Amino acid sequence: MRSAARRIKRDAVALWFAYRHPGTPLAVKALCVFVVGYALSPIDLIPDFIPVLGYVDDVLLLPGLILLAIRLLPSSVVSECRKQAEEWIAQKREKPTSYWGACLVVAIWLAVAYACWRWYAE
């Protein structure tokens, strides 16, 4: 489990580098931005205090999105970005954070709350 968690962390950081790589297709860049923003966001889409569902995004959704993005990338880009990610993690020894990702999650929650309010108000 620990090695899988390390690989997920490394691949999330690798997607951060892949977003900036010139060999990454535009559609995959967009997916990388979304996945990295969500993965590195200090706020979860489904809060962890909600029983069972709180960990679904951490256990299924996030690793699935990371795997999808990695599979869509050219293999040369993946190997180069994984190497950069490993070097970055070894040097910094901390998880990067994405405040843009936190803003994205807050915007999604606000949109859901607004949609529920509109539905209830009718």
PDB file of N, CA and C in Angstrom:
ATOM      1  N   MET A   1       0.820  -1.197   0.000  1.00  0.00           N
ATOM      2  CA  MET A   1       0.000   0.000   0.000  1.00  0.00           C
ATOM      3  C   MET A   1       0.866   1.264   0.000  1.00  0.00           C
ATOM      4  N   ARG A   2       1.954   1.219   0.772  1.00  0.00           N
ATOM      5  CA  ARG A   2       2.810   2.405   0.841  1.00  0.00           C
ATOM      6  C   ARG A   2       3.478   2.696  -0.499  1.00  0.00           C
ATOM      7  N   SER A   3       3.893   1.626  -1.183  1.00  0.00           N
ATOM      8  CA  SER A   3       4.536   1.856  -2.487  1.00  0.00           C
ATOM      9  C   SER A   3       3.528   2.393  -3.496  1.00  0.00           C
ATOM     10  N   ALA A   4       2.293   1.914  -3.420  1.00  0.00           N
ATOM     11  CA  ALA A   4       1.247   2.441  -4.308  1.00  0.00           C
ATOM     12  C   ALA A   4       0.972   3.909  -3.999  1.00  0.00           C
ATOM     13  N   ALA A   5       0.947   4.261  -2.727  1.00  0.00           N
ATOM     14  CA  ALA A   5       0.726   5.663  -2.341  1.00  0.00           C
ATOM     15  C   ALA A   5       1.882   6.546  -2.821  1.00  0.00           C
ATOM     16  N   ARG A   6       3.110   6.027  -2.732  1.00  0.00           N
ATOM     17  CA  ARG A   6       4.266   6.795  -3.223  1.00  0.00           C
ATOM     18  C   ARG A   6       4.193   6.985  -4.736  1.00  0.00           C
ATOM     19  N   ARG A   7       3.764   5.932  -5.449  1.00  0.00           N
ATOM     20  CA  ARG A   7       3.641   6.042  -6.905  1.00  0.00           C
ATOM     21  C   ARG A   7       2.572   7.061  -7.284  1.00  0.00           C
ATOM     22  N   ILE A   8       1.464   7.059  -6.563  1.00  0.00           N
ATOM     23  CA  ILE A   8       0.403   8.024  -6.843  1.00  0.00           C
ATOM     24  C   ILE A   8       0.900   9.443  -6.603  1.00  0.00           C
ATOM     25  N   LYS A   9       1.610   9.646  -5.500  1.00  0.00           N
ATOM     26  CA  LYS A   9       2.168  10.968  -5.202  1.00  0.00           C
ATOM     27  C   LYS A   9       3.156  11.388  -6.282  1.00  0.00           C
ATOM     28  N   ARG A  10       4.040  10.453  -6.670  1.00  0.00           N
ATOM     29  CA  ARG A  10       5.019  10.754  -7.711  1.00  0.00           C
ATOM     30  C   ARG A  10       4.342  11.068  -9.037  1.00  0.00           C
ATOM     31  N   ASP A  11       3.320  10.278  -9.387  1.00  0.00           N
ATOM     32  CA  ASP A  11       2.633  10.503 -10.657  1.00  0.00           C
ATOM     33  C   ASP A  11       1.836  11.803 -10.655  1.00  0.00           C
ATOM     34  N   ALA A  12       1.299  12.188  -9.496  1.00  0.00           N
ATOM     35  CA  ALA A  12       0.598  13.475  -9.421  1.00  0.00           C
ATOM     36  C   ALA A  12       1.567  14.622  -9.682  1.00  0.00           C
ATOM     37  N   VAL A  13       2.755  14.532  -9.101  1.00  0.00           N
ATOM     38  CA  VAL A  13       3.768  15.558  -9.341  1.00  0.00           C
ATOM     39  C   VAL A  13       4.271  15.467 -10.784  1.00  0.00           C
ATOM     40  N   ALA A  14       4.378  14.248 -11.328  1.00  0.00           N
ATOM     41  CA  ALA A  14       4.795  14.072 -12.724  1.00  0.00           C
ATOM     42  C   ALA A  14       3.795  14.725 -13.670  1.00  0.00           C
ATOM     43  N   LEU A  15       2.512  14.659 -13.346  1.00  0.00           N
ATOM     44  CA  LEU A  15       1.500  15.317 -14.181  1.00  0.00           C
ATOM     45  C   LEU A  15       1.665  16.834 -14.132  1.00  0.00           C
ATOM     46  N   TRP A  16       2.140  17.330 -13.018  1.00  0.00           N
ATOM     47  CA  TRP A  16       2.428  18.764 -12.883  1.00  0.00           C
ATOM     48  C   TRP A  16       3.515  19.167 -13.877  1.00  0.00           C
ATOM     49  N   PHE A  17       4.546  18.320 -14.007  1.00  0.00           N
ATOM     50  CA  PHE A  17       5.597  18.573 -14.995  1.00  0.00           C
ATOM     51  C   PHE A  17       5.098  18.317 -16.417  1.00  0.00           C
ATOM     52  N   ALA A  18       4.245  17.312 -16.584  1.00  0.00           N
ATOM     53  CA  ALA A  18       3.727  16.977 -17.922  1.00  0.00           C
ATOM     54  C   ALA A  18       2.879  18.113 -18.485  1.00  0.00           C
ATOM     55  N   TYR A  19       2.193  18.831 -17.630  1.00  0.00           N
ATOM     56  CA  TYR A  19       1.393  19.971 -18.079  1.00  0.00           C
ATOM     57  C   TYR A  19       2.266  20.999 -18.791  1.00  0.00           C
ATOM     58  N   ARG A  20       3.476  21.168 -18.327  1.00  0.00           N
ATOM     59  CA  ARG A  20       4.379  22.163 -18.900  1.00  0.00           C
ATOM     60  C   ARG A  20       5.242  21.612 -20.039  1.00  0.00           C
ATOM     61  N   HIS A  21       5.193  20.305 -20.244  1.00  0.00           N
ATOM     62  CA  HIS A  21       6.036  19.667 -21.261  1.00  0.00           C
ATOM     63  C   HIS A  21       5.501  19.962 -22.658  1.00  0.00           C
ATOM     64  N   PRO A  22       6.354  20.340 -23.602  1.00  0.00           N
ATOM     65  CA  PRO A  22       5.876  20.657 -24.953  1.00  0.00           C
ATOM     66  C   PRO A  22       5.364  19.445 -25.727  1.00  0.00           C
ATOM     67  N   GLY A  23       5.719  18.234 -25.307  1.00  0.00           N
ATOM     68  CA  GLY A  23       5.262  17.031 -26.003  1.00  0.00           C
ATOM     69  C   GLY A  23       3.908  16.524 -25.550  1.00  0.00           C
ATOM     70  N   THR A  24       3.283  17.218 -24.618  1.00  0.00           N
ATOM     71  CA  THR A  24       1.975  16.810 -24.109  1.00  0.00           C
ATOM     72  C   THR A  24       0.876  17.387 -24.994  1.00  0.00           C
ATOM     73  N   PRO A  25      -0.036  16.525 -25.497  1.00  0.00           N
ATOM     74  CA  PRO A  25      -1.157  17.036 -26.309  1.00  0.00           C
ATOM     75  C   PRO A  25      -2.043  17.978 -25.500  1.00  0.00           C
ATOM     76  N   LEU A  26      -2.704  18.890 -26.185  1.00  0.00           N
ATOM     77  CA  LEU A  26      -3.503  19.938 -25.535  1.00  0.00           C
ATOM     78  C   LEU A  26      -4.615  19.362 -24.655  1.00  0.00           C
ATOM     79  N   ALA A  27      -5.335  18.370 -25.152  1.00  0.00           N
ATOM     80  CA  ALA A  27      -6.430  17.785 -24.361  1.00  0.00           C
ATOM     81  C   ALA A  27      -5.899  17.127 -23.091  1.00  0.00           C
ATOM     82  N   VAL A  28      -4.755  16.480 -23.195  1.00  0.00           N
ATOM     83  CA  VAL A  28      -4.160  15.838 -22.018  1.00  0.00           C
ATOM     84  C   VAL A  28      -3.637  16.895 -21.054  1.00  0.00           C
ATOM     85  N   LYS A  29      -3.154  18.027 -21.581  1.00  0.00           N
ATOM     86  CA  LYS A  29      -2.739  19.135 -20.704  1.00  0.00           C
ATOM     87  C   LYS A  29      -3.908  19.607 -19.851  1.00  0.00           C
ATOM     88  N   ALA A  30      -5.076  19.723 -20.465  1.00  0.00           N
ATOM     89  CA  ALA A  30      -6.265  20.152 -19.714  1.00  0.00           C
ATOM     90  C   ALA A  30      -6.597  19.146 -18.618  1.00  0.00           C
ATOM     91  N   LEU A  31      -6.520  17.866 -18.948  1.00  0.00           N
ATOM     92  CA  LEU A  31      -6.776  16.829 -17.943  1.00  0.00           C
ATOM     93  C   LEU A  31      -5.725  16.904 -16.839  1.00  0.00           C
ATOM     94  N   CYS A  32      -4.471  17.115 -17.202  1.00  0.00           N
ATOM     95  CA  CYS A  32      -3.399  17.226 -16.207  1.00  0.00           C
ATOM     96  C   CYS A  32      -3.649  18.393 -15.252  1.00  0.00           C
ATOM     97  N   VAL A  33      -4.081  19.518 -15.794  1.00  0.00           N
ATOM     98  CA  VAL A  33      -4.367  20.678 -14.954  1.00  0.00           C
ATOM     99  C   VAL A  33      -5.461  20.346 -13.948  1.00  0.00           C
ATOM    100  N   PHE A  34      -6.527  19.708 -14.417  1.00  0.00           N
ATOM    101  CA  PHE A  34      -7.629  19.347 -13.524  1.00  0.00           C
ATOM    102  C   PHE A  34      -7.169  18.357 -12.460  1.00  0.00           C
ATOM    103  N   VAL A  35      -6.463  17.301 -12.875  1.00  0.00           N
ATOM    104  CA  VAL A  35      -6.040  16.258 -11.939  1.00  0.00           C
ATOM    105  C   VAL A  35      -5.047  16.817 -10.923  1.00  0.00           C
ATOM    106  N   VAL A  36      -4.074  17.571 -11.392  1.00  0.00           N
ATOM    107  CA  VAL A  36      -3.080  18.138 -10.472  1.00  0.00           C
ATOM    108  C   VAL A  36      -3.733  19.137  -9.525  1.00  0.00           C
ATOM    109  N   GLY A  37      -4.608  19.968 -10.053  1.00  0.00           N
ATOM    110  CA  GLY A  37      -5.305  20.923  -9.194  1.00  0.00           C
ATOM    111  C   GLY A  37      -6.095  20.236  -8.101  1.00  0.00           C
ATOM    112  N   TYR A  38      -6.762  19.146  -8.466  1.00  0.00           N
ATOM    113  CA  TYR A  38      -7.548  18.414  -7.482  1.00  0.00           C
ATOM    114  C   TYR A  38      -6.662  17.612  -6.537  1.00  0.00           C
ATOM    115  N   ALA A  39      -5.627  16.972  -7.093  1.00  0.00           N
ATOM    116  CA  ALA A  39      -4.751  16.133  -6.263  1.00  0.00           C
ATOM    117  C   ALA A  39      -3.984  16.953  -5.230  1.00  0.00           C
ATOM    118  N   LEU A  40      -3.559  18.120  -5.612  1.00  0.00           N
ATOM    119  CA  LEU A  40      -2.736  18.931  -4.719  1.00  0.00           C
ATOM    120  C   LEU A  40      -3.542  19.953  -3.934  1.00  0.00           C
ATOM    121  N   SER A  41      -4.856  19.943  -4.112  1.00  0.00           N
ATOM    122  CA  SER A  41      -5.716  20.863  -3.388  1.00  0.00           C
ATOM    123  C   SER A  41      -5.786  20.473  -1.909  1.00  0.00           C
ATOM    124  N   PRO A  42      -5.706  21.442  -1.027  1.00  0.00           N
ATOM    125  CA  PRO A  42      -5.846  21.113   0.401  1.00  0.00           C
ATOM    126  C   PRO A  42      -7.298  20.803   0.796  1.00  0.00           C
ATOM    127  N   ILE A  43      -8.238  20.982  -0.125  1.00  0.00           N
ATOM    128  CA  ILE A  43      -9.650  20.724   0.143  1.00  0.00           C
ATOM    129  C   ILE A  43     -10.118  19.586  -0.757  1.00  0.00           C
ATOM    130  N   ASP A  44     -10.832  18.613  -0.195  1.00  0.00           N
ATOM    131  CA  ASP A  44     -11.365  17.496  -0.973  1.00  0.00           C
ATOM    132  C   ASP A  44     -12.733  17.850  -1.542  1.00  0.00           C
ATOM    133  N   LEU A  45     -13.047  17.238  -2.687  1.00  0.00           N
ATOM    134  CA  LEU A  45     -14.363  17.413  -3.277  1.00  0.00           C
ATOM    135  C   LEU A  45     -15.433  16.817  -2.370  1.00  0.00           C
ATOM    136  N   ILE A  46     -15.159  15.620  -1.854  1.00  0.00           N
ATOM    137  CA  ILE A  46     -16.040  14.976  -0.881  1.00  0.00           C
ATOM    138  C   ILE A  46     -15.287  14.987   0.445  1.00  0.00           C
ATOM    139  N   PRO A  47     -15.728  15.777   1.430  1.00  0.00           N
ATOM    140  CA  PRO A  47     -14.991  15.884   2.693  1.00  0.00           C
ATOM    141  C   PRO A  47     -14.823  14.523   3.378  1.00  0.00           C
ATOM    142  N   ASP A  48     -13.672  14.316   4.005  1.00  0.00           N
ATOM    143  CA  ASP A  48     -13.349  13.033   4.626  1.00  0.00           C
ATOM    144  C   ASP A  48     -14.239  12.689   5.812  1.00  0.00           C
ATOM    145  N   PHE A  49     -14.895  13.675   6.416  1.00  0.00           N
ATOM    146  CA  PHE A  49     -15.724  13.368   7.582  1.00  0.00           C
ATOM    147  C   PHE A  49     -17.040  12.691   7.206  1.00  0.00           C
ATOM    148  N   ILE A  50     -17.388  12.662   5.928  1.00  0.00           N
ATOM    149  CA  ILE A  50     -18.595  11.959   5.487  1.00  0.00           C
ATOM    150  C   ILE A  50     -18.270  10.466   5.450  1.00  0.00           C
ATOM    151  N   PRO A  51     -19.007   9.643   6.225  1.00  0.00           N
ATOM    152  CA  PRO A  51     -18.678   8.216   6.292  1.00  0.00           C
ATOM    153  C   PRO A  51     -18.689   7.563   4.904  1.00  0.00           C
ATOM    154  N   VAL A  52     -17.731   6.720   4.662  1.00  0.00           N
ATOM    155  CA  VAL A  52     -17.505   5.935   3.450  1.00  0.00           C
ATOM    156  C   VAL A  52     -17.248   6.830   2.230  1.00  0.00           C
ATOM    157  N   LEU A  53     -18.174   7.700   1.877  1.00  0.00           N
ATOM    158  CA  LEU A  53     -18.012   8.537   0.688  1.00  0.00           C
ATOM    159  C   LEU A  53     -16.831   9.486   0.796  1.00  0.00           C
ATOM    160  N   GLY A  54     -16.464   9.849   2.001  1.00  0.00           N
ATOM    161  CA  GLY A  54     -15.366  10.793   2.199  1.00  0.00           C
ATOM    162  C   GLY A  54     -14.034  10.281   1.688  1.00  0.00           C
ATOM    163  N   TYR A  55     -13.879   8.971   1.667  1.00  0.00           N
ATOM    164  CA  TYR A  55     -12.622   8.402   1.202  1.00  0.00           C
ATOM    165  C   TYR A  55     -12.703   7.854  -0.214  1.00  0.00           C
ATOM    166  N   VAL A  56     -13.874   7.900  -0.827  1.00  0.00           N
ATOM    167  CA  VAL A  56     -14.025   7.397  -2.190  1.00  0.00           C
ATOM    168  C   VAL A  56     -13.149   8.186  -3.159  1.00  0.00           C
ATOM    169  N   ASP A  57     -13.116   9.500  -3.012  1.00  0.00           N
ATOM    170  CA  ASP A  57     -12.285  10.292  -3.923  1.00  0.00           C
ATOM    171  C   ASP A  57     -10.805  10.013  -3.716  1.00  0.00           C
ATOM    172  N   ASP A  58     -10.389   9.762  -2.473  1.00  0.00           N
ATOM    173  CA  ASP A  58      -8.983   9.479  -2.195  1.00  0.00           C
ATOM    174  C   ASP A  58      -8.571   8.085  -2.665  1.00  0.00           C
ATOM    175  N   VAL A  59      -9.480   7.137  -2.597  1.00  0.00           N
ATOM    176  CA  VAL A  59      -9.148   5.746  -2.902  1.00  0.00           C
ATOM    177  C   VAL A  59      -9.439   5.377  -4.354  1.00  0.00           C
ATOM    178  N   LEU A  60     -10.496   5.904  -4.934  1.00  0.00           N
ATOM    179  CA  LEU A  60     -10.891   5.505  -6.291  1.00  0.00           C
ATOM    180  C   LEU A  60     -10.772   6.624  -7.321  1.00  0.00           C
ATOM    181  N   LEU A  61     -11.376   7.756  -7.042  1.00  0.00           N
ATOM    182  CA  LEU A  61     -11.463   8.827  -8.026  1.00  0.00           C
ATOM    183  C   LEU A  61     -10.089   9.391  -8.393  1.00  0.00           C
ATOM    184  N   LEU A  62      -9.328   9.788  -7.428  1.00  0.00           N
ATOM    185  CA  LEU A  62      -8.035  10.411  -7.695  1.00  0.00           C
ATOM    186  C   LEU A  62      -7.052   9.449  -8.369  1.00  0.00           C
ATOM    187  N   PRO A  63      -6.842   8.231  -7.841  1.00  0.00           N
ATOM    188  CA  PRO A  63      -5.935   7.316  -8.546  1.00  0.00           C
ATOM    189  C   PRO A  63      -6.418   6.979  -9.957  1.00  0.00           C
ATOM    190  N   GLY A  64      -7.726   6.878 -10.155  1.00  0.00           N
ATOM    191  CA  GLY A  64      -8.255   6.606 -11.491  1.00  0.00           C
ATOM    192  C   GLY A  64      -7.974   7.732 -12.462  1.00  0.00           C
ATOM    193  N   LEU A  65      -8.140   8.970 -12.015  1.00  0.00           N
ATOM    194  CA  LEU A  65      -7.848  10.121 -12.871  1.00  0.00           C
ATOM    195  C   LEU A  65      -6.358  10.227 -13.180  1.00  0.00           C
ATOM    196  N   ILE A  66      -5.527   9.950 -12.178  1.00  0.00           N
ATOM    197  CA  ILE A  66      -4.081   9.981 -12.406  1.00  0.00           C
ATOM    198  C   ILE A  66      -3.681   8.910 -13.409  1.00  0.00           C
ATOM    199  N   LEU A  67      -4.210   7.702 -13.246  1.00  0.00           N
ATOM    200  CA  LEU A  67      -3.907   6.611 -14.174  1.00  0.00           C
ATOM    201  C   LEU A  67      -4.370   6.947 -15.591  1.00  0.00           C
ATOM    202  N   LEU A  68      -5.546   7.515 -15.723  1.00  0.00           N
ATOM    203  CA  LEU A  68      -6.054   7.907 -17.038  1.00  0.00           C
ATOM    204  C   LEU A  68      -5.133   8.925 -17.696  1.00  0.00           C
ATOM    205  N   ALA A  69      -4.739   9.940 -16.958  1.00  0.00           N
ATOM    206  CA  ALA A  69      -3.863  10.972 -17.519  1.00  0.00           C
ATOM    207  C   ALA A  69      -2.510  10.389 -17.912  1.00  0.00           C
ATOM    208  N   ILE A  70      -1.954   9.517 -17.085  1.00  0.00           N
ATOM    209  CA  ILE A  70      -0.665   8.895 -17.383  1.00  0.00           C
ATOM    210  C   ILE A  70      -0.768   8.046 -18.649  1.00  0.00           C
ATOM    211  N   ARG A  71      -1.861   7.311 -18.796  1.00  0.00           N
ATOM    212  CA  ARG A  71      -2.025   6.462 -19.982  1.00  0.00           C
ATOM    213  C   ARG A  71      -2.226   7.266 -21.260  1.00  0.00           C
ATOM    214  N   LEU A  72      -2.760   8.460 -21.149  1.00  0.00           N
ATOM    215  CA  LEU A  72      -2.978   9.294 -22.328  1.00  0.00           C
ATOM    216  C   LEU A  72      -1.714  10.033 -22.765  1.00  0.00           C
ATOM    217  N   LEU A  73      -0.735  10.114 -21.894  1.00  0.00           N
ATOM    218  CA  LEU A  73       0.514  10.803 -22.217  1.00  0.00           C
ATOM    219  C   LEU A  73       1.430   9.904 -23.049  1.00  0.00           C
ATOM    220  N   PRO A  74       2.215  10.493 -23.940  1.00  0.00           N
ATOM    221  CA  PRO A  74       3.238   9.706 -24.648  1.00  0.00           C
ATOM    222  C   PRO A  74       4.243   9.129 -23.643  1.00  0.00           C
ATOM    223  N   SER A  75       4.734   7.929 -23.900  1.00  0.00           N
ATOM    224  CA  SER A  75       5.611   7.248 -22.939  1.00  0.00           C
ATOM    225  C   SER A  75       6.910   8.020 -22.683  1.00  0.00           C
ATOM    226  N   SER A  76       7.426   8.707 -23.694  1.00  0.00           N
ATOM    227  CA  SER A  76       8.652   9.489 -23.478  1.00  0.00           C
ATOM    228  C   SER A  76       8.407  10.641 -22.504  1.00  0.00           C
ATOM    229  N   VAL A  77       7.247  11.256 -22.604  1.00  0.00           N
ATOM    230  CA  VAL A  77       6.889  12.354 -21.697  1.00  0.00           C
ATOM    231  C   VAL A  77       6.720  11.815 -20.281  1.00  0.00           C
ATOM    232  N   VAL A  78       6.072  10.649 -20.154  1.00  0.00           N
ATOM    233  CA  VAL A  78       5.848  10.054 -18.834  1.00  0.00           C
ATOM    234  C   VAL A  78       7.170   9.759 -18.151  1.00  0.00           C
ATOM    235  N   SER A  79       8.098   9.110 -18.855  1.00  0.00           N
ATOM    236  CA  SER A  79       9.369   8.750 -18.223  1.00  0.00           C
ATOM    237  C   SER A  79      10.173   9.994 -17.842  1.00  0.00           C
ATOM    238  N   GLU A  80      10.191  10.991 -18.694  1.00  0.00           N
ATOM    239  CA  GLU A  80      10.915  12.222 -18.387  1.00  0.00           C
ATOM    240  C   GLU A  80      10.293  12.950 -17.194  1.00  0.00           C
ATOM    241  N   CYS A  81       8.971  13.037 -17.162  1.00  0.00           N
ATOM    242  CA  CYS A  81       8.291  13.761 -16.083  1.00  0.00           C
ATOM    243  C   CYS A  81       8.351  13.001 -14.767  1.00  0.00           C
ATOM    244  N   ARG A  82       8.329  11.662 -14.824  1.00  0.00           N
ATOM    245  CA  ARG A  82       8.488  10.883 -13.589  1.00  0.00           C
ATOM    246  C   ARG A  82       9.868  11.110 -12.992  1.00  0.00           C
ATOM    247  N   LYS A  83      10.874  11.167 -13.847  1.00  0.00           N
ATOM    248  CA  LYS A  83      12.229  11.432 -13.362  1.00  0.00           C
ATOM    249  C   LYS A  83      12.298  12.813 -12.709  1.00  0.00           C
ATOM    250  N   GLN A  84      11.718  13.816 -13.351  1.00  0.00           N
ATOM    251  CA  GLN A  84      11.698  15.163 -12.771  1.00  0.00           C
ATOM    252  C   GLN A  84      10.952  15.169 -11.442  1.00  0.00           C
ATOM    253  N   ALA A  85       9.843  14.423 -11.372  1.00  0.00           N
ATOM    254  CA  ALA A  85       9.054  14.375 -10.143  1.00  0.00           C
ATOM    255  C   ALA A  85       9.843  13.730  -9.012  1.00  0.00           C
ATOM    256  N   GLU A  86      10.531  12.643  -9.302  1.00  0.00           N
ATOM    257  CA  GLU A  86      11.330  11.977  -8.268  1.00  0.00           C
ATOM    258  C   GLU A  86      12.433  12.898  -7.749  1.00  0.00           C
ATOM    259  N   GLU A  87      13.070  13.629  -8.667  1.00  0.00           N
ATOM    260  CA  GLU A  87      14.108  14.573  -8.252  1.00  0.00           C
ATOM    261  C   GLU A  87      13.521  15.700  -7.411  1.00  0.00           C
ATOM    262  N   TRP A  88      12.350  16.188  -7.809  1.00  0.00           N
ATOM    263  CA  TRP A  88      11.714  17.282  -7.084  1.00  0.00           C
ATOM    264  C   TRP A  88      11.310  16.833  -5.686  1.00  0.00           C
ATOM    265  N   ILE A  89      10.727  15.639  -5.584  1.00  0.00           N
ATOM    266  CA  ILE A  89      10.295  15.120  -4.279  1.00  0.00           C
ATOM    267  C   ILE A  89      11.508  14.879  -3.386  1.00  0.00           C
ATOM    268  N   ALA A  90      12.594  14.332  -3.942  1.00  0.00           N
ATOM    269  CA  ALA A  90      13.803  14.087  -3.148  1.00  0.00           C
ATOM    270  C   ALA A  90      14.420  15.397  -2.663  1.00  0.00           C
ATOM    271  N   GLN A  91      14.335  16.417  -3.495  1.00  0.00           N
ATOM    272  CA  GLN A  91      14.936  17.703  -3.131  1.00  0.00           C
ATOM    273  C   GLN A  91      14.074  18.468  -2.134  1.00  0.00           C
ATOM    274  N   LYS A  92      12.773  18.565  -2.391  1.00  0.00           N
ATOM    275  CA  LYS A  92      11.883  19.389  -1.562  1.00  0.00           C
ATOM    276  C   LYS A  92      11.410  18.673  -0.303  1.00  0.00           C
ATOM    277  N   ARG A  93      11.219  17.358  -0.393  1.00  0.00           N
ATOM    278  CA  ARG A  93      10.729  16.525   0.721  1.00  0.00           C
ATOM    279  C   ARG A  93       9.391  17.005   1.281  1.00  0.00           C
ATOM    280  N   GLU A  94       8.577  17.575   0.432  1.00  0.00           N
ATOM    281  CA  GLU A  94       7.247  17.997   0.865  1.00  0.00           C
ATOM    282  C   GLU A  94       6.284  17.877  -0.302  1.00  0.00           C
ATOM    283  N   LYS A  95       5.031  17.793   0.015  1.00  0.00           N
ATOM    284  CA  LYS A  95       3.996  17.716  -1.014  1.00  0.00           C
ATOM    285  C   LYS A  95       3.649  19.129  -1.462  1.00  0.00           C
ATOM    286  N   PRO A  96       3.666  19.369  -2.757  1.00  0.00           N
ATOM    287  CA  PRO A  96       3.245  20.699  -3.210  1.00  0.00           C
ATOM    288  C   PRO A  96       1.747  20.878  -2.985  1.00  0.00           C
ATOM    289  N   THR A  97       1.313  22.100  -2.873  1.00  0.00           N
ATOM    290  CA  THR A  97      -0.111  22.382  -2.733  1.00  0.00           C
ATOM    291  C   THR A  97      -0.566  23.257  -3.884  1.00  0.00           C
ATOM    292  N   SER A  98      -1.836  23.159  -4.185  1.00  0.00           N
ATOM    293  CA  SER A  98      -2.404  23.950  -5.269  1.00  0.00           C
ATOM    294  C   SER A  98      -3.591  24.725  -4.731  1.00  0.00           C
ATOM    295  N   TYR A  99      -3.420  26.013  -4.578  1.00  0.00           N
ATOM    296  CA  TYR A  99      -4.526  26.830  -4.106  1.00  0.00           C
ATOM    297  C   TYR A  99      -5.543  27.064  -5.217  1.00  0.00           C
ATOM    298  N   TRP A 100      -5.098  26.957  -6.480  1.00  0.00           N
ATOM    299  CA  TRP A 100      -6.054  27.009  -7.596  1.00  0.00           C
ATOM    300  C   TRP A 100      -6.961  25.794  -7.546  1.00  0.00           C
ATOM    301  N   GLY A 101      -6.411  24.646  -7.172  1.00  0.00           N
ATOM    302  CA  GLY A 101      -7.223  23.438  -7.012  1.00  0.00           C
ATOM    303  C   GLY A 101      -8.242  23.605  -5.901  1.00  0.00           C
ATOM    304  N   ALA A 102      -7.826  24.242  -4.818  1.00  0.00           N
ATOM    305  CA  ALA A 102      -8.764  24.507  -3.717  1.00  0.00           C
ATOM    306  C   ALA A 102      -9.881  25.421  -4.195  1.00  0.00           C
ATOM    307  N   CYS A 103      -9.543  26.423  -4.996  1.00  0.00           N
ATOM    308  CA  CYS A 103     -10.567  27.322  -5.551  1.00  0.00           C
ATOM    309  C   CYS A 103     -11.524  26.558  -6.459  1.00  0.00           C
ATOM    310  N   LEU A 104     -10.979  25.617  -7.233  1.00  0.00           N
ATOM    311  CA  LEU A 104     -11.824  24.782  -8.096  1.00  0.00           C
ATOM    312  C   LEU A 104     -12.822  23.970  -7.278  1.00  0.00           C
ATOM    313  N   VAL A 105     -12.339  23.343  -6.208  1.00  0.00           N
ATOM    314  CA  VAL A 105     -13.230  22.542  -5.356  1.00  0.00           C
ATOM    315  C   VAL A 105     -14.289  23.423  -4.709  1.00  0.00           C
ATOM    316  N   VAL A 106     -13.906  24.589  -4.213  1.00  0.00           N
ATOM    317  CA  VAL A 106     -14.873  25.510  -3.611  1.00  0.00           C
ATOM    318  C   VAL A 106     -15.890  25.968  -4.652  1.00  0.00           C
ATOM    319  N   ALA A 107     -15.445  26.232  -5.885  1.00  0.00           N
ATOM    320  CA  ALA A 107     -16.366  26.641  -6.950  1.00  0.00           C
ATOM    321  C   ALA A 107     -17.361  25.526  -7.273  1.00  0.00           C
ATOM    322  N   ILE A 108     -16.901  24.291  -7.285  1.00  0.00           N
ATOM    323  CA  ILE A 108     -17.816  23.159  -7.535  1.00  0.00           C
ATOM    324  C   ILE A 108     -18.851  23.069  -6.422  1.00  0.00           C
ATOM    325  N   TRP A 109     -18.404  23.187  -5.166  1.00  0.00           N
ATOM    326  CA  TRP A 109     -19.351  23.126  -4.045  1.00  0.00           C
ATOM    327  C   TRP A 109     -20.355  24.284  -4.099  1.00  0.00           C
ATOM    328  N   LEU A 110     -19.898  25.475  -4.468  1.00  0.00           N
ATOM    329  CA  LEU A 110     -20.817  26.615  -4.580  1.00  0.00           C
ATOM    330  C   LEU A 110     -21.831  26.392  -5.706  1.00  0.00           C
ATOM    331  N   ALA A 111     -21.384  25.832  -6.830  1.00  0.00           N
ATOM    332  CA  ALA A 111     -22.292  25.545  -7.940  1.00  0.00           C
ATOM    333  C   ALA A 111     -23.331  24.501  -7.540  1.00  0.00           C
ATOM    334  N   VAL A 112     -22.912  23.475  -6.818  1.00  0.00           N
ATOM    335  CA  VAL A 112     -23.853  22.447  -6.347  1.00  0.00           C
ATOM    336  C   VAL A 112     -24.836  23.055  -5.355  1.00  0.00           C
ATOM    337  N   ALA A 113     -24.346  23.878  -4.439  1.00  0.00           N
ATOM    338  CA  ALA A 113     -25.235  24.518  -3.467  1.00  0.00           C
ATOM    339  C   ALA A 113     -26.240  25.431  -4.163  1.00  0.00           C
ATOM    340  N   TYR A 114     -25.790  26.189  -5.167  1.00  0.00           N
ATOM    341  CA  TYR A 114     -26.686  27.061  -5.915  1.00  0.00           C
ATOM    342  C   TYR A 114     -27.728  26.246  -6.674  1.00  0.00           C
ATOM    343  N   ALA A 115     -27.310  25.166  -7.306  1.00  0.00           N
ATOM    344  CA  ALA A 115     -28.247  24.312  -8.037  1.00  0.00           C
ATOM    345  C   ALA A 115     -29.294  23.705  -7.102  1.00  0.00           C
ATOM    346  N   CYS A 116     -28.853  23.275  -5.916  1.00  0.00           N
ATOM    347  CA  CYS A 116     -29.806  22.731  -4.931  1.00  0.00           C
ATOM    348  C   CYS A 116     -30.767  23.815  -4.455  1.00  0.00           C
ATOM    349  N   TRP A 117     -30.260  25.014  -4.229  1.00  0.00           N
ATOM    350  CA  TRP A 117     -31.114  26.108  -3.785  1.00  0.00           C
ATOM    351  C   TRP A 117     -32.143  26.448  -4.852  1.00  0.00           C
ATOM    352  N   ARG A 118     -31.715  26.507  -6.126  1.00  0.00           N
ATOM    353  CA  ARG A 118     -32.640  26.805  -7.234  1.00  0.00           C
ATOM    354  C   ARG A 118     -33.706  25.708  -7.359  1.00  0.00           C
ATOM    355  N   TRP A 119     -33.284  24.447  -7.224  1.00  0.00           N
ATOM    356  CA  TRP A 119     -34.220  23.339  -7.317  1.00  0.00           C
ATOM    357  C   TRP A 119     -35.235  23.389  -6.160  1.00  0.00           C
ATOM    358  N   TYR A 120     -34.757  23.700  -4.969  1.00  0.00           N
ATOM    359  CA  TYR A 120     -35.633  23.757  -3.810  1.00  0.00           C
ATOM    360  C   TYR A 120     -36.571  24.968  -3.890  1.00  0.00           C
ATOM    361  N   ALA A 121     -36.099  26.074  -4.425  1.00  0.00           N
ATOM    362  CA  ALA A 121     -36.876  27.308  -4.485  1.00  0.00           C
ATOM    363  C   ALA A 121     -38.030  27.208  -5.478  1.00  0.00           C
ATOM    364  N   GLU A 122     -37.953  26.312  -6.430  1.00  0.00           N
ATOM    365  CA  GLU A 122     -39.022  26.215  -7.442  1.00  0.00           C
ATOM    366  C   GLU A 122     -40.221  25.479  -6.970  1.00  0.00           C
TER     367      GLU A 122
END
